[in-house]
Full PDB file with SEQRES, HELIX, SHEET, SSBOND, CRYST1, ORIGX, SCALE, CONECT and MASTER records, all heavy atoms in Angstrom:
SEQRES   1 A   31  ASN MET LEU GLN ILE MET GLY HIS PHE ILE VAL SER THR          
SEQRES   2 A   31  LEU ARG ARG ARG ASN LEU VAL ARG GLU LEU GLU GLN MET          
SEQRES   3 A   31  SER TYR SER ASP GLN                                          
HELIX    1 AA1 MET A    2  TYR A   28  1                                  27    
CRYST1    1.000    1.000    1.000  90.00  90.00  90.00 P 1           1          
ORIGX1      1.000000  0.000000  0.000000        0.00000                         
ORIGX2      0.000000  1.000000  0.000000        0.00000                         
ORIGX3      0.000000  0.000000  1.000000        0.00000                         
SCALE1      1.000000  0.000000  0.000000        0.00000                         
SCALE2      0.000000  1.000000  0.000000        0.00000                         
SCALE3      0.000000  0.000000  1.000000        0.00000                         
ATOM      1  N   ASN A   1       5.616 -22.752  -2.257  1.00  0.00           N  
ATOM      2  CA  ASN A   1       4.414 -22.788  -1.423  1.00  0.00           C  
ATOM      3  C   ASN A   1       4.399 -21.622  -0.430  1.00  0.00           C  
ATOM      4  O   ASN A   1       3.358 -20.981  -0.221  1.00  0.00           O  
ATOM      5  CB  ASN A   1       4.339 -24.113  -0.663  1.00  0.00           C  
ATOM      6  CG  ASN A   1       4.028 -25.282  -1.572  1.00  0.00           C  
ATOM      7  OD1 ASN A   1       3.447 -25.098  -2.639  1.00  0.00           O  
ATOM      8  ND2 ASN A   1       4.430 -26.474  -1.175  1.00  0.00           N  
ATOM      9  N   MET A   2       5.544 -21.367   0.174  1.00  0.00           N  
ATOM     10  CA  MET A   2       5.620 -20.288   1.160  1.00  0.00           C  
ATOM     11  C   MET A   2       5.315 -18.939   0.521  1.00  0.00           C  
ATOM     12  O   MET A   2       4.541 -18.134   1.049  1.00  0.00           O  
ATOM     13  CB  MET A   2       7.010 -20.252   1.802  1.00  0.00           C  
ATOM     14  CG  MET A   2       7.306 -21.426   2.712  1.00  0.00           C  
ATOM     15  SD  MET A   2       6.021 -21.677   3.958  1.00  0.00           S  
ATOM     16  CE  MET A   2       5.818 -20.030   4.566  1.00  0.00           C  
ATOM     17  N   LEU A   3       5.930 -18.684  -0.618  1.00  0.00           N  
ATOM     18  CA  LEU A   3       5.717 -17.396  -1.281  1.00  0.00           C  
ATOM     19  C   LEU A   3       4.268 -17.241  -1.732  1.00  0.00           C  
ATOM     20  O   LEU A   3       3.689 -16.149  -1.643  1.00  0.00           O  
ATOM     21  CB  LEU A   3       6.653 -17.260  -2.483  1.00  0.00           C  
ATOM     22  CG  LEU A   3       8.150 -17.182  -2.180  1.00  0.00           C  
ATOM     23  CD1 LEU A   3       8.940 -17.002  -3.476  1.00  0.00           C  
ATOM     24  CD2 LEU A   3       8.467 -16.045  -1.216  1.00  0.00           C  
ATOM     25  N   GLN A   4       3.682 -18.319  -2.209  1.00  0.00           N  
ATOM     26  CA  GLN A   4       2.296 -18.238  -2.673  1.00  0.00           C  
ATOM     27  C   GLN A   4       1.356 -17.917  -1.516  1.00  0.00           C  
ATOM     28  O   GLN A   4       0.438 -17.104  -1.650  1.00  0.00           O  
ATOM     29  CB  GLN A   4       1.900 -19.551  -3.339  1.00  0.00           C  
ATOM     30  CG  GLN A   4       0.547 -19.490  -4.035  1.00  0.00           C  
ATOM     31  CD  GLN A   4       0.336 -20.672  -4.964  1.00  0.00           C  
ATOM     32  OE1 GLN A   4       1.280 -21.315  -5.402  1.00  0.00           O  
ATOM     33  NE2 GLN A   4      -0.926 -20.949  -5.268  1.00  0.00           N  
ATOM     34  N   ILE A   5       1.586 -18.546  -0.374  1.00  0.00           N  
ATOM     35  CA  ILE A   5       0.734 -18.290   0.789  1.00  0.00           C  
ATOM     36  C   ILE A   5       0.890 -16.855   1.279  1.00  0.00           C  
ATOM     37  O   ILE A   5      -0.084 -16.189   1.647  1.00  0.00           O  
ATOM     38  CB  ILE A   5       1.064 -19.290   1.913  1.00  0.00           C  
ATOM     39  CG1 ILE A   5       0.635 -20.698   1.499  1.00  0.00           C  
ATOM     40  CG2 ILE A   5       0.361 -18.900   3.205  1.00  0.00           C  
ATOM     41  CD1 ILE A   5       1.094 -21.779   2.443  1.00  0.00           C  
ATOM     42  N   MET A   6       2.124 -16.357   1.271  1.00  0.00           N  
ATOM     43  CA  MET A   6       2.380 -14.998   1.772  1.00  0.00           C  
ATOM     44  C   MET A   6       2.006 -13.915   0.766  1.00  0.00           C  
ATOM     45  O   MET A   6       2.006 -12.735   1.092  1.00  0.00           O  
ATOM     46  CB  MET A   6       3.855 -14.854   2.147  1.00  0.00           C  
ATOM     47  CG  MET A   6       4.298 -15.744   3.302  1.00  0.00           C  
ATOM     48  SD  MET A   6       3.446 -15.353   4.843  1.00  0.00           S  
ATOM     49  CE  MET A   6       4.238 -13.802   5.260  1.00  0.00           C  
ATOM     50  N   GLY A   7       1.701 -14.305  -0.476  1.00  0.00           N  
ATOM     51  CA  GLY A   7       1.395 -13.317  -1.506  1.00  0.00           C  
ATOM     52  C   GLY A   7       0.214 -12.432  -1.152  1.00  0.00           C  
ATOM     53  O   GLY A   7       0.211 -11.232  -1.439  1.00  0.00           O  
ATOM     54  N   HIS A   8      -0.817 -13.017  -0.528  1.00  0.00           N  
ATOM     55  CA  HIS A   8      -1.989 -12.231  -0.139  1.00  0.00           C  
ATOM     56  C   HIS A   8      -1.584 -11.116   0.819  1.00  0.00           C  
ATOM     57  O   HIS A   8      -2.041  -9.964   0.694  1.00  0.00           O  
ATOM     58  CB  HIS A   8      -3.035 -13.128   0.509  1.00  0.00           C  
ATOM     59  CG  HIS A   8      -4.179 -12.384   1.110  1.00  0.00           C  
ATOM     60  ND1 HIS A   8      -5.249 -11.925   0.376  1.00  0.00           N  
ATOM     61  CD2 HIS A   8      -4.402 -11.975   2.387  1.00  0.00           C  
ATOM     62  CE1 HIS A   8      -6.095 -11.284   1.172  1.00  0.00           C  
ATOM     63  NE2 HIS A   8      -5.605 -11.302   2.402  1.00  0.00           N  
ATOM     64  N   PHE A   9      -0.737 -11.437   1.780  1.00  0.00           N  
ATOM     65  CA  PHE A   9      -0.304 -10.425   2.735  1.00  0.00           C  
ATOM     66  C   PHE A   9       0.523  -9.339   2.046  1.00  0.00           C  
ATOM     67  O   PHE A   9       0.389  -8.155   2.356  1.00  0.00           O  
ATOM     68  CB  PHE A   9       0.517 -11.070   3.853  1.00  0.00           C  
ATOM     69  CG  PHE A   9       1.068 -10.088   4.838  1.00  0.00           C  
ATOM     70  CD1 PHE A   9       0.258  -9.527   5.815  1.00  0.00           C  
ATOM     71  CD2 PHE A   9       2.400  -9.692   4.771  1.00  0.00           C  
ATOM     72  CE1 PHE A   9       0.768  -8.602   6.704  1.00  0.00           C  
ATOM     73  CE2 PHE A   9       2.915  -8.773   5.656  1.00  0.00           C  
ATOM     74  CZ  PHE A   9       2.101  -8.222   6.633  1.00  0.00           C  
ATOM     75  N   ILE A  10       1.385  -9.732   1.098  1.00  0.00           N  
ATOM     76  CA  ILE A  10       2.185  -8.753   0.363  1.00  0.00           C  
ATOM     77  C   ILE A  10       1.281  -7.771  -0.371  1.00  0.00           C  
ATOM     78  O   ILE A  10       1.473  -6.552  -0.309  1.00  0.00           O  
ATOM     79  CB  ILE A  10       3.122  -9.464  -0.639  1.00  0.00           C  
ATOM     80  CG1 ILE A  10       4.146 -10.330   0.095  1.00  0.00           C  
ATOM     81  CG2 ILE A  10       3.807  -8.461  -1.548  1.00  0.00           C  
ATOM     82  CD1 ILE A  10       5.231  -9.583   0.810  1.00  0.00           C  
ATOM     83  N   VAL A  11       0.280  -8.282  -1.074  1.00  0.00           N  
ATOM     84  CA  VAL A  11      -0.635  -7.413  -1.826  1.00  0.00           C  
ATOM     85  C   VAL A  11      -1.393  -6.496  -0.880  1.00  0.00           C  
ATOM     86  O   VAL A  11      -1.569  -5.296  -1.152  1.00  0.00           O  
ATOM     87  CB  VAL A  11      -1.603  -8.253  -2.679  1.00  0.00           C  
ATOM     88  CG1 VAL A  11      -2.696  -7.368  -3.276  1.00  0.00           C  
ATOM     89  CG2 VAL A  11      -0.847  -8.974  -3.778  1.00  0.00           C  
ATOM     90  N   SER A  12      -1.872  -7.030   0.230  1.00  0.00           N  
ATOM     91  CA  SER A  12      -2.587  -6.219   1.208  1.00  0.00           C  
ATOM     92  C   SER A  12      -1.706  -5.089   1.727  1.00  0.00           C  
ATOM     93  O   SER A  12      -2.163  -3.948   1.875  1.00  0.00           O  
ATOM     94  CB  SER A  12      -3.054  -7.101   2.369  1.00  0.00           C  
ATOM     95  OG  SER A  12      -3.685  -6.332   3.364  1.00  0.00           O  
ATOM     96  N   THR A  13      -0.431  -5.373   1.958  1.00  0.00           N  
ATOM     97  CA  THR A  13       0.493  -4.345   2.452  1.00  0.00           C  
ATOM     98  C   THR A  13       0.795  -3.316   1.368  1.00  0.00           C  
ATOM     99  O   THR A  13       0.931  -2.122   1.656  1.00  0.00           O  
ATOM    100  CB  THR A  13       1.791  -4.999   2.948  1.00  0.00           C  
ATOM    101  OG1 THR A  13       1.479  -6.029   3.882  1.00  0.00           O  
ATOM    102  CG2 THR A  13       2.681  -3.968   3.638  1.00  0.00           C  
ATOM    103  N   LEU A  14       0.892  -3.755   0.125  1.00  0.00           N  
ATOM    104  CA  LEU A  14       1.087  -2.807  -0.977  1.00  0.00           C  
ATOM    105  C   LEU A  14      -0.105  -1.851  -1.084  1.00  0.00           C  
ATOM    106  O   LEU A  14       0.063  -0.655  -1.365  1.00  0.00           O  
ATOM    107  CB  LEU A  14       1.275  -3.553  -2.292  1.00  0.00           C  
ATOM    108  CG  LEU A  14       2.598  -4.311  -2.469  1.00  0.00           C  
ATOM    109  CD1 LEU A  14       2.564  -5.142  -3.746  1.00  0.00           C  
ATOM    110  CD2 LEU A  14       3.776  -3.345  -2.490  1.00  0.00           C  
ATOM    111  N   ARG A  15      -1.305  -2.376  -0.870  1.00  0.00           N  
ATOM    112  CA  ARG A  15      -2.488  -1.513  -0.893  1.00  0.00           C  
ATOM    113  C   ARG A  15      -2.404  -0.450   0.201  1.00  0.00           C  
ATOM    114  O   ARG A  15      -2.688   0.727  -0.026  1.00  0.00           O  
ATOM    115  CB  ARG A  15      -3.746  -2.345  -0.691  1.00  0.00           C  
ATOM    116  CG  ARG A  15      -4.187  -3.174  -1.882  1.00  0.00           C  
ATOM    117  CD  ARG A  15      -5.412  -3.979  -1.477  1.00  0.00           C  
ATOM    118  NE  ARG A  15      -5.925  -4.813  -2.548  1.00  0.00           N  
ATOM    119  CZ  ARG A  15      -6.838  -5.746  -2.361  1.00  0.00           C  
ATOM    120  NH1 ARG A  15      -7.317  -5.967  -1.140  1.00  0.00           N  
ATOM    121  NH2 ARG A  15      -7.270  -6.476  -3.358  1.00  0.00           N  
ATOM    122  N   ARG A  16      -2.038  -0.894   1.404  1.00  0.00           N  
ATOM    123  CA  ARG A  16      -1.921   0.063   2.511  1.00  0.00           C  
ATOM    124  C   ARG A  16      -0.827   1.079   2.229  1.00  0.00           C  
ATOM    125  O   ARG A  16      -0.985   2.268   2.521  1.00  0.00           O  
ATOM    126  CB  ARG A  16      -1.632  -0.680   3.820  1.00  0.00           C  
ATOM    127  CG  ARG A  16      -2.807  -1.488   4.333  1.00  0.00           C  
ATOM    128  CD  ARG A  16      -2.591  -1.953   5.762  1.00  0.00           C  
ATOM    129  NE  ARG A  16      -1.505  -2.907   5.870  1.00  0.00           N  
ATOM    130  CZ  ARG A  16      -0.397  -2.715   6.560  1.00  0.00           C  
ATOM    131  NH1 ARG A  16      -0.191  -1.561   7.185  1.00  0.00           N  
ATOM    132  NH2 ARG A  16       0.541  -3.649   6.622  1.00  0.00           N  
ATOM    133  N   ARG A  17       0.279   0.630   1.659  1.00  0.00           N  
ATOM    134  CA  ARG A  17       1.356   1.559   1.288  1.00  0.00           C  
ATOM    135  C   ARG A  17       0.865   2.619   0.312  1.00  0.00           C  
ATOM    136  O   ARG A  17       1.137   3.818   0.473  1.00  0.00           O  
ATOM    137  CB  ARG A  17       2.510   0.777   0.662  1.00  0.00           C  
ATOM    138  CG  ARG A  17       3.693   1.631   0.218  1.00  0.00           C  
ATOM    139  CD  ARG A  17       4.450   0.978  -0.920  1.00  0.00           C  
ATOM    140  NE  ARG A  17       3.610   0.874  -2.116  1.00  0.00           N  
ATOM    141  CZ  ARG A  17       4.007   0.271  -3.234  1.00  0.00           C  
ATOM    142  NH1 ARG A  17       5.187  -0.322  -3.277  1.00  0.00           N  
ATOM    143  NH2 ARG A  17       3.208   0.229  -4.288  1.00  0.00           N  
ATOM    144  N   ASN A  18       0.130   2.190  -0.711  1.00  0.00           N  
ATOM    145  CA  ASN A  18      -0.368   3.135  -1.714  1.00  0.00           C  
ATOM    146  C   ASN A  18      -1.347   4.128  -1.099  1.00  0.00           C  
ATOM    147  O   ASN A  18      -1.350   5.310  -1.461  1.00  0.00           O  
ATOM    148  CB  ASN A  18      -1.041   2.379  -2.858  1.00  0.00           C  
ATOM    149  CG  ASN A  18      -0.058   1.553  -3.657  1.00  0.00           C  
ATOM    150  OD1 ASN A  18       1.155   1.789  -3.596  1.00  0.00           O  
ATOM    151  ND2 ASN A  18      -0.550   0.578  -4.399  1.00  0.00           N  
ATOM    152  N   LEU A  19      -2.187   3.642  -0.184  1.00  0.00           N  
ATOM    153  CA  LEU A  19      -3.141   4.530   0.471  1.00  0.00           C  
ATOM    154  C   LEU A  19      -2.423   5.566   1.322  1.00  0.00           C  
ATOM    155  O   LEU A  19      -2.761   6.754   1.287  1.00  0.00           O  
ATOM    156  CB  LEU A  19      -4.103   3.715   1.335  1.00  0.00           C  
ATOM    157  CG  LEU A  19      -5.134   4.523   2.136  1.00  0.00           C  
ATOM    158  CD1 LEU A  19      -6.016   5.349   1.201  1.00  0.00           C  
ATOM    159  CD2 LEU A  19      -5.981   3.602   2.997  1.00  0.00           C  
ATOM    160  N   VAL A  20      -1.415   5.141   2.073  1.00  0.00           N  
ATOM    161  CA  VAL A  20      -0.651   6.075   2.905  1.00  0.00           C  
ATOM    162  C   VAL A  20       0.031   7.127   2.030  1.00  0.00           C  
ATOM    163  O   VAL A  20       0.021   8.327   2.343  1.00  0.00           O  
ATOM    164  CB  VAL A  20       0.392   5.314   3.750  1.00  0.00           C  
ATOM    165  CG1 VAL A  20       1.381   6.286   4.391  1.00  0.00           C  
ATOM    166  CG2 VAL A  20      -0.301   4.490   4.822  1.00  0.00           C  
ATOM    167  N   ARG A  21       0.597   6.684   0.916  1.00  0.00           N  
ATOM    168  CA  ARG A  21       1.269   7.634   0.018  1.00  0.00           C  
ATOM    169  C   ARG A  21       0.269   8.628  -0.577  1.00  0.00           C  
ATOM    170  O   ARG A  21       0.573   9.818  -0.717  1.00  0.00           O  
ATOM    171  CB  ARG A  21       1.977   6.871  -1.102  1.00  0.00           C  
ATOM    172  CG  ARG A  21       3.204   6.105  -0.632  1.00  0.00           C  
ATOM    173  CD  ARG A  21       3.872   5.378  -1.788  1.00  0.00           C  
ATOM    174  NE  ARG A  21       5.071   4.681  -1.346  1.00  0.00           N  
ATOM    175  CZ  ARG A  21       5.838   3.934  -2.140  1.00  0.00           C  
ATOM    176  NH1 ARG A  21       5.520   3.809  -3.424  1.00  0.00           N  
ATOM    177  NH2 ARG A  21       6.907   3.324  -1.662  1.00  0.00           N  
ATOM    178  N   GLU A  22      -0.908   8.132  -0.926  1.00  0.00           N  
ATOM    179  CA  GLU A  22      -1.927   9.014  -1.501  1.00  0.00           C  
ATOM    180  C   GLU A  22      -2.389  10.050  -0.479  1.00  0.00           C  
ATOM    181  O   GLU A  22      -2.528  11.237  -0.795  1.00  0.00           O  
ATOM    182  CB  GLU A  22      -3.110   8.183  -1.987  1.00  0.00           C  
ATOM    183  CG  GLU A  22      -4.199   9.002  -2.652  1.00  0.00           C  
ATOM    184  CD  GLU A  22      -5.353   8.144  -3.142  1.00  0.00           C  
ATOM    185  OE1 GLU A  22      -5.232   6.904  -3.129  1.00  0.00           O  
ATOM    186  OE2 GLU A  22      -6.385   8.724  -3.537  1.00  0.00           O  
ATOM    187  N   LEU A  23      -2.614   9.606   0.752  1.00  0.00           N  
ATOM    188  CA  LEU A  23      -3.039  10.534   1.802  1.00  0.00           C  
ATOM    189  C   LEU A  23      -1.955  11.545   2.106  1.00  0.00           C  
ATOM    190  O   LEU A  23      -2.232  12.735   2.344  1.00  0.00           O  
ATOM    191  CB  LEU A  23      -3.415   9.746   3.062  1.00  0.00           C  
ATOM    192  CG  LEU A  23      -4.662   8.865   2.958  1.00  0.00           C  
ATOM    193  CD1 LEU A  23      -4.841   8.043   4.223  1.00  0.00           C  
ATOM    194  CD2 LEU A  23      -5.899   9.714   2.702  1.00  0.00           C  
ATOM    195  N   GLU A  24      -0.707  11.094   2.116  1.00  0.00           N  
ATOM    196  CA  GLU A  24       0.404  12.013   2.372  1.00  0.00           C  
ATOM    197  C   GLU A  24       0.517  13.040   1.252  1.00  0.00           C  
ATOM    198  O   GLU A  24       0.729  14.227   1.497  1.00  0.00           O  
ATOM    199  CB  GLU A  24       1.713  11.237   2.501  1.00  0.00           C  
ATOM    200  CG  GLU A  24       2.891  12.132   2.890  1.00  0.00           C  
ATOM    201  CD  GLU A  24       4.162  11.339   3.086  1.00  0.00           C  
ATOM    202  OE1 GLU A  24       4.626  10.707   2.111  1.00  0.00           O  
ATOM    203  OE2 GLU A  24       4.698  11.341   4.204  1.00  0.00           O  
ATOM    204  N   GLN A  25       0.359  12.565   0.010  1.00  0.00           N  
ATOM    205  CA  GLN A  25       0.410  13.479  -1.120  1.00  0.00           C  
ATOM    206  C   GLN A  25      -0.699  14.522  -1.023  1.00  0.00           C  
ATOM    207  O   GLN A  25      -0.479  15.716  -1.283  1.00  0.00           O  
ATOM    208  CB  GLN A  25       0.280  12.688  -2.434  1.00  0.00           C  
ATOM    209  CG  GLN A  25       0.238  13.534  -3.697  1.00  0.00           C  
ATOM    210  CD  GLN A  25       1.541  14.250  -3.969  1.00  0.00           C  
ATOM    211  OE1 GLN A  25       2.591  13.820  -3.494  1.00  0.00           O  
ATOM    212  NE2 GLN A  25       1.483  15.334  -4.718  1.00  0.00           N  
ATOM    213  N   MET A  26      -1.892  14.096  -0.641  1.00  0.00           N  
ATOM    214  CA  MET A  26      -3.008  15.024  -0.516  1.00  0.00           C  
ATOM    215  C   MET A  26      -2.771  16.035   0.599  1.00  0.00           C  
ATOM    216  O   MET A  26      -3.126  17.213   0.470  1.00  0.00           O  
ATOM    217  CB  MET A  26      -4.302  14.249  -0.252  1.00  0.00           C  
ATOM    218  CG  MET A  26      -4.776  13.426  -1.429  1.00  0.00           C  
ATOM    219  SD  MET A  26      -6.194  12.381  -1.023  1.00  0.00           S  
ATOM    220  CE  MET A  26      -7.399  13.635  -0.573  1.00  0.00           C  
ATOM    221  N   SER A  27      -2.159  15.603   1.689  1.00  0.00           N  
ATOM    222  CA  SER A  27      -1.970  16.496   2.833  1.00  0.00           C  
ATOM    223  C   SER A  27      -0.821  17.470   2.630  1.00  0.00           C  
ATOM    224  O   SER A  27      -0.734  18.466   3.333  1.00  0.00           O  
ATOM    225  CB  SER A  27      -1.737  15.678   4.106  1.00  0.00           C  
ATOM    226  OG  SER A  27      -0.541  14.946   4.023  1.00  0.00           O  
ATOM    227  N   TYR A  28       0.050  17.186   1.666  1.00  0.00           N  
ATOM    228  CA  TYR A  28       1.214  18.048   1.458  1.00  0.00           C  
ATOM    229  C   TYR A  28       1.205  18.764   0.107  1.00  0.00           C  
ATOM    230  O   TYR A  28       2.192  19.385  -0.263  1.00  0.00           O  
ATOM    231  CB  TYR A  28       2.515  17.241   1.569  1.00  0.00           C  
ATOM    232  CG  TYR A  28       2.917  16.956   3.002  1.00  0.00           C  
ATOM    233  CD1 TYR A  28       2.577  15.755   3.611  1.00  0.00           C  
ATOM    234  CD2 TYR A  28       3.630  17.887   3.748  1.00  0.00           C  
ATOM    235  CE1 TYR A  28       2.934  15.483   4.924  1.00  0.00           C  
ATOM    236  CE2 TYR A  28       4.003  17.627   5.063  1.00  0.00           C  
ATOM    237  CZ  TYR A  28       3.650  16.425   5.637  1.00  0.00           C  
ATOM    238  OH  TYR A  28       4.010  16.167   6.945  1.00  0.00           O  
ATOM    239  N   SER A  29       0.116  18.678  -0.628  1.00  0.00           N  
ATOM    240  CA  SER A  29       0.119  19.320  -1.941  1.00  0.00           C  
ATOM    241  C   SER A  29      -1.136  20.137  -2.161  1.00  0.00           C  
ATOM    242  O   SER A  29      -2.196  19.853  -1.606  1.00  0.00           O  
ATOM    243  CB  SER A  29       0.250  18.267  -3.053  1.00  0.00           C  
ATOM    244  OG  SER A  29      -0.902  17.464  -3.112  1.00  0.00           O  
ATOM    245  N   ASP A  30      -0.989  21.149  -2.996  1.00  0.00           N  
ATOM    246  CA  ASP A  30      -2.119  21.957  -3.436  1.00  0.00           C  
ATOM    247  C   ASP A  30      -2.874  21.169  -4.494  1.00  0.00           C  
ATOM    248  O   ASP A  30      -2.278  20.684  -5.473  1.00  0.00           O  
ATOM    249  CB  ASP A  30      -1.600  23.284  -4.018  1.00  0.00           C  
ATOM    250  CG  ASP A  30      -2.693  24.077  -4.692  1.00  0.00           C  
ATOM    251  OD1 ASP A  30      -3.636  24.471  -3.993  1.00  0.00           O  
ATOM    252  OD2 ASP A  30      -2.606  24.289  -5.919  1.00  0.00           O  
ATOM    253  N   GLN A  31      -4.176  21.026  -4.326  1.00  0.00           N  
ATOM    254  CA  GLN A  31      -4.945  20.141  -5.191  1.00  0.00           C  
ATOM    255  C   GLN A  31      -5.046  20.640  -6.621  1.00  0.00           C  
ATOM    256  O   GLN A  31      -5.183  19.843  -7.545  1.00  0.00           O  
ATOM    257  CB  GLN A  31      -6.346  19.934  -4.609  1.00  0.00           C  
ATOM    258  CG  GLN A  31      -6.342  19.183  -3.295  1.00  0.00           C  
ATOM    259  CD  GLN A  31      -5.633  17.852  -3.408  1.00  0.00           C  
ATOM    260  OE1 GLN A  31      -6.054  16.974  -4.138  1.00  0.00           O  
ATOM    261  NE2 GLN A  31      -4.529  17.693  -2.680  1.00  0.00           N  
TER     262      GLN A  31                                                      
MASTER        0    0    0    1    0    0    0    6  261    1    0    3          
END                                                                             
């Protein structure tokens, strides 16, 4: 039950992680 409830937060944090990585990649690489 605990893991299922916290799953939404985990996914939301993974999304933010991916966005940060994408922005960092864009700011440090030649397109």
